[in-house]
Each structure stands twice: as structure tokens, then as C-alpha cells.
Amino acid sequence: MKQNILFEIKALYRDNFRVTGFSFGKGEKAACIVGTMRGNENQQLYACSQLVKKLTELEEKGKIAEGKEILVIPCVNPYSMNIKKRFWSVDNTDINRMFPGYSEGETTQRIAAGVFEKIKHYQYGIQFASFYMPGAFLPQIRVMKTGFENVDLAKKFGLPYVVLQNPRPFDTTTLNYNWQIWETNAFSIYTTNTSRVDKKSARQAVDGILTFLSKQGIIRHHPKEGYVSKVIESCDLVSVRTKHSGFFQSFVTPGEEVDCGKVLAQIIDPYYGTVKCEITSPVHGTVLFLHDEEMAYQNTAVIKIIPEEED
């Protein structure tokens, strides 16, 4: 393993801003794995640390394929991690909305440009991502439909679901989208949590990456038997929204199968403590995403369901 500073900005009043990478093997740029970009992504950082640990063990045993290089970047935004702020501490901008970056632009644009210059030529790009809304997911691979996506490759991670997403206008400035435009096969891995560490789903994600790298001949490793991934379109997911704001009390968990009409959650009045409304399932299916904050606002998508296919 080699540890390198991939990008650095000098600071006036604190330690310099540095993005650190860990490389394994030597040769063609085979795979790059990126972790935390936001200051609350503790789960993503933890998962990356476990991947670094495992790849270090494999390299010591000579199990990185000859002529292949793997790069792992655990954290792209250490400043925000240090102060537990989700976005850039000065102007509240999101590094993952700045790609491919601009070397003469604002700070987050320069960070994105400096990092992307180092990683844009890898054959495979994998990002430990987090959702823009707070909540818990079923482990999944997400792929943007740019015309360059490869669904068959996404299935090789062996995670339960592969979600295909049509890019929205703001998605064109994300790492995943730009990796694909620069002809990298790009995938986003979503684990159960973001700010809280879930060791089980982190281990599942790391096993999925090792399985993928093994199937692509980048490492020599006996992969664990995973899932036969189900491919779904993000537009087919059913969003269940709140009619009122208040305390959110759920009665289901991600992965749970629900019937049409089942009570999924309640909204509790924050003043009176009474039930303002019950949230019921409009379809029969499986819970993919569940809001996990104490409060929910009116018309918020608090649950996303994979509808069961009709016979």
C-alpha cells in the first residue's frame, strides 16, 4: 500500500486541506473507490476504512493482480468532517455538485477539479454515496442512465438491488455522472445509514466491492455468494408522502414487505401529542427507503416502496 496526497490547499489559520489516497498494486488504472464527500458521512468513511484494511491484507498475500492498480480515497472533505457540517464549512456548497470542477473557480470547484484529474481515467469508479434526504436504505447499487451505463456490470456486486436513475439537471455535476462521461464504468453504493455507522451493511458493501473486483480479474479473492440483483427503475419507485408535519413514528423497516393499506407510520402532533395522521401503503411491495429523523415536514417523501410486479 502506498499513501499519497492527491490534492492540497494551503491554509492560513489551520492545517492544510489534504485529500489522501491509498493505492494498491501497480499498473493500469483498474479501479478507484471514493468515500466521504460530506461532513456527516460517517458510514461511508467507515466502509472505506474497512476496504483499505481488507485490500492491505490481500496485497500482503500477493493477491492484487499483476499490472493492476486500485486507488481508495476515504475522504474528499476532511474539513467538514472535522466540524460535523454536511457541506463546505465556508459557503455551504456541496463538492459532489461541482464535478468535473474548475481549477480557477471557488474552493469546492478547485477541490473537485483536483481530485477528478487524478481519478478520471480509471476503468471502474465506485462511490460510497449518501442520499440527499435523511433516511435508511436497503443496500443497493445506483447507476445513472447516461447512455454509457452497464447494468450487467452493476449486477456483479451481488447486492440486492440495482437502481437505474434518469439524471436530473443537478445530477450532471456529480462524480458518478462525470465519471461515465469520461468513459469510466461508474457505480454508487448506498448502504443502510449515513451519519450512524452500521457495521453489517458496511461489511456487505465491502464484500460487494471485493466480489466485483474479483470477477473483473483485479484481485484474486474468493467472493462471498451474494444476491441475484433485481434491476429497478427509480421512476417506478412509489414515494409515500406526509400530509402533515410533526414527530415521525414508523412501524416498518427497510426490506420489509408491506401490503396495500398497511399502516406504515404515524405523524404525532408536536404540541398535543395526538396522532395527526396515519401513513398507509398505497401498494403491495418492499420498503426500499425509510425516513429516520425524529421530525417530518408536510409533503415529505418519508418512505419509498418497490412495488410488487403484477403477474
Protein backbone atom coordinates (compact mmCIF):
# COMPACT_ATOMS: atom_id res chain seq x y z
CA MET A 1 0.00 0.00 0.00
CA LYS A 2 1.17 3.49 -0.85
CA GLN A 3 -0.27 6.61 0.77
CA ASN A 4 -0.20 9.79 -1.30
CA ILE A 5 -1.53 13.32 -1.08
CA LEU A 6 -3.69 13.66 -4.19
CA PHE A 7 -4.70 17.28 -3.68
CA GLU A 8 -3.71 20.01 -1.21
CA ILE A 9 -4.70 23.60 -0.46
CA LYS A 10 -2.60 25.73 1.87
CA ALA A 11 -4.49 27.23 4.81
CA LEU A 12 -3.77 30.44 6.69
CA TYR A 13 -5.06 29.59 10.17
CA ARG A 14 -5.28 25.80 10.35
CA ASP A 15 -3.66 22.69 8.95
CA ASN A 16 -3.62 22.42 5.16
CA PHE A 17 -6.57 20.85 3.38
CA ARG A 18 -5.46 17.48 2.01
CA VAL A 19 -7.14 14.69 0.08
CA THR A 20 -5.31 11.42 0.77
CA GLY A 21 -5.35 8.33 -1.42
CA PHE A 22 -4.24 4.75 -0.78
CA SER A 23 -3.04 2.77 -3.79
CA PHE A 24 -2.70 -1.00 -4.06
CA GLY A 25 -0.84 -2.85 -6.79
CA LYS A 26 0.85 -1.22 -9.75
CA GLY A 27 0.00 -0.86 -13.40
CA GLU A 28 -3.08 0.22 -15.35
CA LYS A 29 -5.69 2.27 -13.54
CA ALA A 30 -8.17 -0.50 -12.83
CA ALA A 31 -10.50 0.70 -10.08
CA CYS A 32 -10.99 3.79 -7.92
CA ILE A 33 -13.19 3.83 -4.82
CA VAL A 34 -14.24 7.16 -3.29
CA GLY A 35 -15.72 7.57 0.17
CA THR A 36 -16.87 10.62 2.13
CA MET A 37 -17.60 13.90 0.34
CA ARG A 38 -19.89 15.35 3.01
CA GLY A 39 -19.20 16.03 6.65
CA ASN A 40 -21.90 13.75 8.05
CA GLU A 41 -20.98 10.64 6.00
CA ASN A 42 -19.55 8.60 8.88
CA GLN A 43 -20.87 5.33 7.45
CA GLN A 44 -19.18 5.95 4.10
CA LEU A 45 -15.85 6.74 5.78
CA TYR A 46 -16.11 3.65 7.98
CA ALA A 47 -16.85 1.42 4.97
CA CYS A 48 -13.82 2.83 3.14
CA SER A 49 -11.60 2.18 6.14
CA GLN A 50 -12.69 -1.45 6.15
CA LEU A 51 -11.96 -1.71 2.43
CA VAL A 52 -8.47 -0.26 2.94
CA LYS A 53 -7.89 -2.80 5.71
CA LYS A 54 -9.00 -5.71 3.53
CA LEU A 55 -7.03 -4.61 0.44
CA THR A 56 -3.92 -4.20 2.60
CA GLU A 57 -4.29 -7.82 3.73
CA LEU A 58 -4.81 -9.02 0.15
CA GLU A 59 -1.78 -7.10 -1.11
CA GLU A 60 0.41 -8.57 1.63
CA LYS A 61 -0.65 -12.02 0.40
CA GLY A 62 0.16 -11.11 -3.20
CA LYS A 63 -3.47 -11.22 -4.30
CA ILE A 64 -3.64 -7.96 -6.22
CA ALA A 65 -3.48 -8.94 -9.90
CA GLU A 66 -0.24 -8.09 -11.67
CA GLY A 67 -0.42 -4.93 -13.74
CA LYS A 68 -3.49 -3.60 -11.91
CA GLU A 69 -3.80 -0.59 -9.61
CA ILE A 70 -6.59 0.12 -7.13
CA LEU A 71 -6.98 3.58 -5.59
CA VAL A 72 -9.07 4.22 -2.47
CA ILE A 73 -9.89 7.78 -1.34
CA PRO A 74 -11.59 7.52 2.06
CA CYS A 75 -12.42 11.23 2.44
CA VAL A 76 -12.61 14.13 -0.02
CA ASN A 77 -13.83 16.66 2.56
CA PRO A 78 -11.89 16.34 5.85
CA TYR A 79 -12.59 19.95 6.88
CA SER A 80 -16.35 19.37 7.03
CA MET A 81 -15.85 16.01 8.75
CA ASN A 82 -13.81 17.76 11.45
CA ILE A 83 -16.65 20.15 12.34
CA LYS A 84 -19.54 17.75 11.59
CA LYS A 85 -21.01 20.03 8.92
CA ARG A 86 -22.56 18.29 5.90
CA PHE A 87 -21.38 20.78 3.26
CA TRP A 88 -18.35 23.02 2.81
CA SER A 89 -17.83 24.98 6.00
CA VAL A 90 -17.42 28.45 4.45
CA ASP A 91 -20.15 28.77 1.80
CA ASN A 92 -22.26 25.62 2.35
CA THR A 93 -21.59 24.27 -1.16
CA ASP A 94 -21.57 20.56 -1.98
CA ILE A 95 -18.39 19.12 -3.50
CA ASN A 96 -20.45 16.38 -5.15
CA ARG A 97 -22.30 19.07 -7.12
CA MET A 98 -19.09 20.59 -8.51
CA PHE A 99 -17.70 17.98 -10.92
CA PRO A 100 -15.78 17.94 -13.19
CA GLY A 101 -14.63 21.05 -11.36
CA TYR A 102 -12.84 24.24 -12.32
CA SER A 103 -9.24 24.79 -11.26
CA GLU A 104 -9.63 28.59 -11.22
CA GLY A 105 -13.04 28.66 -9.54
CA GLU A 106 -14.38 28.65 -6.00
CA THR A 107 -12.77 26.38 -3.39
CA THR A 108 -15.12 23.42 -3.84
CA GLN A 109 -14.79 23.70 -7.63
CA ARG A 110 -11.00 23.56 -7.29
CA ILE A 111 -11.20 20.56 -4.95
CA ALA A 112 -13.45 18.72 -7.41
CA ALA A 113 -11.14 19.58 -10.32
CA GLY A 114 -8.01 18.50 -8.46
CA VAL A 115 -9.50 15.18 -7.37
CA PHE A 116 -11.16 14.43 -10.72
CA GLU A 117 -7.90 14.98 -12.57
CA LYS A 118 -6.40 12.12 -10.53
CA ILE A 119 -9.29 9.68 -10.92
CA LYS A 120 -10.98 10.29 -14.27
CA HIS A 121 -9.02 7.67 -16.21
CA TYR A 122 -9.79 4.61 -14.09
CA GLN A 123 -11.66 1.78 -15.77
CA TYR A 124 -14.10 1.36 -12.87
CA GLY A 125 -15.25 4.02 -10.43
CA ILE A 126 -17.17 3.24 -7.24
CA GLN A 127 -18.53 5.84 -4.83
CA PHE A 128 -19.88 5.30 -1.32
CA ALA A 129 -22.78 7.72 -1.69
CA SER A 130 -25.45 9.19 0.58
CA PHE A 131 -28.97 10.31 -0.26
CA TYR A 132 -29.99 13.97 -0.22
CA MET A 133 -32.79 13.14 2.26
CA PRO A 134 -32.10 11.68 5.73
CA GLY A 135 -33.05 8.02 5.96
CA ALA A 136 -32.12 4.35 5.83
CA PHE A 137 -31.76 2.31 2.64
CA LEU A 138 -31.71 -1.28 1.61
CA PRO A 139 -28.13 -1.82 0.32
CA GLN A 140 -28.10 -1.13 -3.40
CA ILE A 141 -26.10 -0.11 -6.44
CA ARG A 142 -27.24 3.02 -8.29
CA VAL A 143 -26.33 3.74 -11.88
CA MET A 144 -27.16 6.89 -13.80
CA LYS A 145 -28.61 6.41 -17.26
CA THR A 146 -26.20 8.48 -19.33
CA GLY A 147 -26.04 6.20 -22.36
CA PHE A 148 -22.76 4.78 -21.05
CA GLU A 149 -24.22 2.74 -18.16
CA ASN A 150 -23.55 -1.01 -17.90
CA VAL A 151 -26.26 -2.85 -15.97
CA ASP A 152 -24.61 -6.26 -16.31
CA LEU A 153 -21.52 -4.96 -14.54
CA ALA A 154 -23.66 -3.49 -11.76
CA LYS A 155 -25.13 -6.93 -11.07
CA LYS A 156 -21.65 -8.31 -10.35
CA PHE A 157 -21.56 -6.62 -6.93
CA GLY A 158 -24.14 -9.13 -5.73
CA LEU A 159 -26.20 -6.54 -3.82
CA PRO A 160 -29.98 -6.96 -3.56
CA TYR A 161 -30.93 -4.15 -5.96
CA VAL A 162 -29.58 -2.23 -8.94
CA VAL A 163 -31.44 1.07 -9.29
CA LEU A 164 -31.31 2.87 -12.65
CA GLN A 165 -31.76 6.60 -12.37
CA ASN A 166 -32.52 9.15 -15.07
CA PRO A 167 -30.21 12.10 -14.34
CA ARG A 168 -31.86 15.30 -13.22
CA PRO A 169 -30.25 18.65 -14.18
CA PHE A 170 -28.25 18.90 -10.93
CA ASP A 171 -27.02 15.30 -11.33
CA THR A 172 -24.84 16.35 -14.28
CA THR A 173 -22.36 17.88 -11.82
CA THR A 174 -21.97 14.74 -9.68
CA LEU A 175 -18.94 12.44 -9.65
CA ASN A 176 -20.93 9.43 -10.91
CA TYR A 177 -22.26 11.27 -13.96
CA ASN A 178 -18.91 12.80 -14.94
CA TRP A 179 -17.05 9.53 -14.45
CA GLN A 180 -19.36 7.98 -17.04
CA ILE A 181 -18.93 10.90 -19.46
CA TRP A 182 -15.15 10.35 -19.23
CA GLU A 183 -15.77 6.65 -20.09
CA THR A 184 -15.36 5.21 -16.61
CA ASN A 185 -17.84 2.50 -15.61
CA ALA A 186 -19.30 4.27 -12.57
CA PHE A 187 -21.40 2.93 -9.70
CA SER A 188 -22.77 4.43 -6.47
CA ILE A 189 -23.14 2.16 -3.45
CA TYR A 190 -25.80 3.02 -0.88
CA THR A 191 -25.59 1.32 2.50
CA THR A 192 -28.14 1.49 5.29
CA ASN A 193 -27.07 4.66 7.10
CA THR A 194 -25.17 7.92 6.66
CA SER A 195 -24.34 9.68 9.95
CA ARG A 196 -24.52 6.49 12.06
CA VAL A 197 -22.22 3.53 11.43
CA ASP A 198 -23.95 0.28 10.52
CA LYS A 199 -21.24 -2.37 10.52
CA LYS A 200 -23.41 -5.06 8.92
CA SER A 201 -24.34 -3.06 5.83
CA ALA A 202 -20.79 -1.61 5.59
CA ARG A 203 -19.44 -5.16 5.54
CA GLN A 204 -21.98 -6.10 2.88
CA ALA A 205 -20.87 -3.17 0.71
CA VAL A 206 -17.17 -4.02 1.14
CA ASP A 207 -17.87 -7.67 0.28
CA GLY A 208 -19.75 -6.47 -2.80
CA ILE A 209 -16.77 -4.41 -3.97
CA LEU A 210 -14.35 -7.30 -3.38
CA THR A 211 -16.70 -9.61 -5.28
CA PHE A 212 -16.80 -7.16 -8.18
CA LEU A 213 -13.02 -6.68 -8.23
CA SER A 214 -12.55 -10.46 -8.17
CA LYS A 215 -14.96 -11.05 -11.06
CA GLN A 216 -13.16 -8.37 -13.10
CA GLY A 217 -9.78 -10.04 -12.51
CA ILE A 218 -8.36 -7.16 -10.46
CA ILE A 219 -7.85 -9.17 -7.28
CA ARG A 220 -7.58 -12.89 -6.51
CA HIS A 221 -10.20 -13.45 -3.88
CA HIS A 222 -12.91 -15.99 -3.18
CA PRO A 223 -16.06 -13.84 -3.31
CA LYS A 224 -18.93 -14.42 -0.96
CA GLU A 225 -22.14 -15.61 -2.51
CA GLY A 226 -24.30 -12.54 -2.97
CA TYR A 227 -27.75 -11.79 -4.30
CA VAL A 228 -29.09 -12.13 -7.80
CA SER A 229 -29.64 -8.39 -8.16
CA LYS A 230 -33.08 -7.14 -9.09
CA VAL A 231 -32.94 -4.22 -11.53
CA ILE A 232 -35.48 -1.46 -10.97
CA GLU A 233 -36.04 1.99 -12.46
CA SER A 234 -36.04 4.85 -9.96
CA CYS A 235 -39.13 6.28 -11.67
CA ASP A 236 -41.03 3.09 -10.77
CA LEU A 237 -40.49 3.56 -7.02
CA VAL A 238 -43.58 4.63 -5.12
CA SER A 239 -42.98 7.65 -2.86
CA VAL A 240 -45.19 7.82 0.23
CA ARG A 241 -45.56 11.40 1.46
CA THR A 242 -46.76 13.02 4.66
CA LYS A 243 -49.94 15.10 4.74
CA HIS A 244 -48.93 16.89 7.95
CA SER A 245 -45.75 17.81 9.80
CA GLY A 246 -44.80 16.53 13.24
CA PHE A 247 -42.97 13.74 15.02
CA PHE A 248 -42.42 10.75 12.72
CA GLN A 249 -43.09 7.30 14.17
CA SER A 250 -42.54 4.39 11.79
CA PHE A 251 -43.78 0.82 12.10
CA VAL A 252 -41.72 -0.75 9.31
CA THR A 253 -38.05 -1.26 8.42
CA PRO A 254 -36.14 -1.23 5.11
CA GLY A 255 -36.54 -4.57 3.39
CA GLU A 256 -39.92 -5.29 4.94
CA GLU A 257 -42.71 -6.47 2.66
CA VAL A 258 -45.91 -4.46 3.08
CA ASP A 259 -49.48 -4.93 1.90
CA CYS A 260 -51.61 -2.25 0.30
CA GLY A 261 -53.37 -0.33 3.06
CA LYS A 262 -50.91 -1.31 5.82
CA VAL A 263 -50.18 1.44 8.33
CA LEU A 264 -46.53 2.34 7.79
CA ALA A 265 -46.12 5.27 10.17
CA GLN A 266 -47.85 7.97 12.18
CA ILE A 267 -47.34 11.70 12.46
CA ILE A 268 -47.62 12.87 16.08
CA ASP A 269 -48.71 16.44 16.82
CA PRO A 270 -45.71 18.21 18.45
CA TYR A 271 -47.99 20.33 20.68
CA TYR A 272 -50.81 17.99 21.70
CA GLY A 273 -49.11 14.58 21.43
CA THR A 274 -52.04 13.17 19.48
CA VAL A 275 -51.94 11.30 16.18
CA LYS A 276 -52.40 13.85 13.41
CA CYS A 277 -52.46 11.26 10.62
CA GLU A 278 -51.60 7.69 9.70
CA ILE A 279 -49.47 6.93 6.68
CA THR A 280 -50.62 3.86 4.77
CA SER A 281 -49.09 1.95 1.89
CA PRO A 282 -50.70 2.65 -1.49
CA VAL A 283 -49.29 -0.57 -2.98
CA HIS A 284 -48.06 -4.03 -2.13
CA GLY A 285 -44.26 -4.12 -2.22
CA THR A 286 -40.95 -3.84 -0.36
CA VAL A 287 -39.72 -0.85 1.64
CA LEU A 288 -36.53 0.45 -0.02
CA PHE A 289 -36.10 3.74 1.85
CA LEU A 290 -37.30 4.94 5.24
CA HIS A 291 -37.05 8.43 6.76
CA ASP A 292 -35.14 8.16 10.04
CA GLU A 293 -35.27 11.64 11.54
CA GLU A 294 -37.47 12.39 14.55
CA MET A 295 -39.40 15.13 12.73
CA ALA A 296 -41.01 15.09 9.29
CA TYR A 297 -42.36 18.04 7.33
CA GLN A 298 -45.54 18.25 5.31
CA ASN A 299 -45.45 16.65 1.85
CA THR A 300 -42.09 14.96 2.52
CA ALA A 301 -41.34 11.61 0.87
CA VAL A 302 -40.72 9.58 4.03
CA ILE A 303 -40.93 6.09 2.52
CA LYS A 304 -40.10 4.67 -0.90
CA ILE A 305 -41.55 1.32 -1.91
CA ILE A 306 -40.58 -1.11 -4.65
CA PRO A 307 -43.99 -2.15 -5.97
CA GLU A 308 -44.57 -5.86 -6.49
CA GLU A 309 -44.79 -6.76 -10.16
CA GLU A 310 -48.18 -7.95 -11.27
CA ASP A 311 -48.42 -11.46 -12.75
